[in-house]
C-alpha atoms as a PDB file:
ATOM      1  CA  MET A   1      10.919 -16.514  19.713  1.00  0.00           C
ATOM      2  CA  LYS A   2       9.035 -13.681  21.470  1.00  0.00           C
ATOM      3  CA  LYS A   3      11.535 -11.099  20.581  1.00  0.00           C
ATOM      4  CA  ILE A   4      11.683 -11.919  16.703  1.00  0.00           C
ATOM      5  CA  TYR A   5       7.543 -11.377  17.013  1.00  0.00           C
ATOM      6  CA  LEU A   6       8.184  -7.918  18.824  1.00  0.00           C
ATOM      7  CA  ILE A   7      11.429  -6.934  16.421  1.00  0.00           C
ATOM      8  CA  ALA A   8       8.851  -7.689  13.351  1.00  0.00           C
ATOM      9  CA  SER A   9       6.402  -5.874  14.772  1.00  0.00           C
ATOM     10  CA  ILE A  10       8.421  -2.868  15.516  1.00  0.00           C
ATOM     11  CA  VAL A  11       9.908  -3.075  11.673  1.00  0.00           C
ATOM     12  CA  MET A  12       6.688  -3.185  10.105  1.00  0.00           C
ATOM     13  CA  PHE A  13       5.121  -0.085  12.287  1.00  0.00           C
ATOM     14  CA  LEU A  14       8.318   2.313  11.214  1.00  0.00           C
ATOM     15  CA  LEU A  15       7.598   0.999   7.865  1.00  0.00           C
ATOM     16  CA  ALA A  16       3.944   1.709   8.167  1.00  0.00           C
ATOM     17  CA  VAL A  17       4.885   5.396   9.782  1.00  0.00           C
ATOM     18  CA  TYR A  18       7.515   6.083   6.735  1.00  0.00           C
ATOM     19  CA  PHE A  19       4.779   5.271   4.115  1.00  0.00           C
ATOM     20  CA  GLY A  20       2.100   7.662   6.160  1.00  0.00           C
ATOM     21  CA  GLY A  21       4.783  10.216   5.774  1.00  0.00           C
ATOM     22  CA  MET A  22       5.287  10.019   2.197  1.00  0.00           C
ATOM     23  CA  ALA A  23       1.507  10.108   1.752  1.00  0.00           C
ATOM     24  CA  TYR A  24       1.293  13.121   4.342  1.00  0.00           C
ATOM     25  CA  LYS A  25       4.032  14.956   2.347  1.00  0.00           C
ATOM     26  CA  GLN A  26       2.862  14.267  -1.090  1.00  0.00           C
ATOM     27  CA  TYR A  27      -0.895  15.386  -0.066  1.00  0.00           C
ATOM     28  CA  LEU A  28       0.557  18.639   1.102  1.00  0.00           C
ATOM     29  CA  ALA A  29       2.932  19.682  -1.672  1.00  0.00           C
ATOM     30  CA  GLY A  30      -0.274  20.088  -3.597  1.00  0.00           C
ATOM     31  CA  ASN A  31      -0.677  19.653  -7.027  1.00  0.00           C
ATOM     32  CA  LEU A  32      -3.381  16.886  -6.396  1.00  0.00           C
ATOM     33  CA  ASP A  33      -4.362  15.829  -9.802  1.00  0.00           C
ATOM     34  CA  TYR A  34      -0.693  14.212 -10.239  1.00  0.00           C
ATOM     35  CA  ASN A  35      -0.262  13.059  -7.037  1.00  0.00           C
ATOM     36  CA  LEU A  36      -3.506  12.217  -5.427  1.00  0.00           C
ATOM     37  CA  ASP A  37      -2.552   8.340  -7.172  1.00  0.00           C
ATOM     38  CA  LYS A  38       0.532   8.790  -5.065  1.00  0.00           C
ATOM     39  CA  VAL A  39      -1.487   9.399  -2.307  1.00  0.00           C
ATOM     40  CA  TYR A  40      -3.600   6.982  -2.538  1.00  0.00           C
ATOM     41  CA  ILE A  41      -0.833   4.286  -2.860  1.00  0.00           C
ATOM     42  CA  ASN A  42       1.136   5.186   0.069  1.00  0.00           C
ATOM     43  CA  VAL A  43      -1.976   5.236   2.349  1.00  0.00           C
ATOM     44  CA  GLY A  44      -2.485   1.773   1.174  1.00  0.00           C
ATOM     45  CA  TYR A  45       1.046   0.609   2.216  1.00  0.00           C
ATOM     46  CA  PHE A  46       0.780   2.495   5.350  1.00  0.00           C
ATOM     47  CA  ALA A  47      -2.521   0.392   5.962  1.00  0.00           C
ATOM     48  CA  LEU A  48      -1.356  -2.976   4.753  1.00  0.00           C
ATOM     49  CA  PHE A  49       2.033  -2.927   7.003  1.00  0.00           C
ATOM     50  CA  LEU A  50       0.283  -1.215  10.261  1.00  0.00           C
ATOM     51  CA  SER A  51      -2.671  -4.036   9.851  1.00  0.00           C
ATOM     52  CA  ILE A  52       0.850  -6.672  10.156  1.00  0.00           C
ATOM     53  CA  ALA A  53       2.091  -5.225  12.692  1.00  0.00           C
ATOM     54  CA  VAL A  54      -0.660  -5.186  14.538  1.00  0.00           C
ATOM     55  CA  TYR A  55      -1.500  -9.097  13.548  1.00  0.00           C
ATOM     56  CA  VAL A  56       2.568  -9.879  14.394  1.00  0.00           C
ATOM     57  CA  LEU A  57       1.655  -8.665  18.287  1.00  0.00           C
ATOM     58  CA  HIS A  58      -1.418 -10.909  18.076  1.00  0.00           C
ATOM     59  CA  LEU A  59       0.334 -13.594  17.232  1.00  0.00           C
ATOM     60  CA  ARG A  60       2.845 -12.937  20.029  1.00  0.00           C
ATOM     61  CA  GLU A  61       0.184 -12.392  22.931  1.00  0.00           C
ATOM     62  CA  HIS A  62      -1.404 -15.852  21.588  1.00  0.00           C
ATOM     63  CA  LYS A  63       2.060 -18.042  21.642  1.00  0.00           C
ATOM     64  CA  SER A  64       2.382 -17.316  25.373  1.00  0.00           C
END
């Protein structure tokens, strides 16, 4: 069961890194009048998936 928590945490962390990278890439692309909404959405997804990853790690420690 602990292995499932670890795998879920790794998947959520990778998703967070993906969305963080997309936000960074769109931010560096310029034309922030158009891309700023996409940057904020990707930052929001980054924060969501990162918080889920940390919470799943907390659940893993709490179960033991």
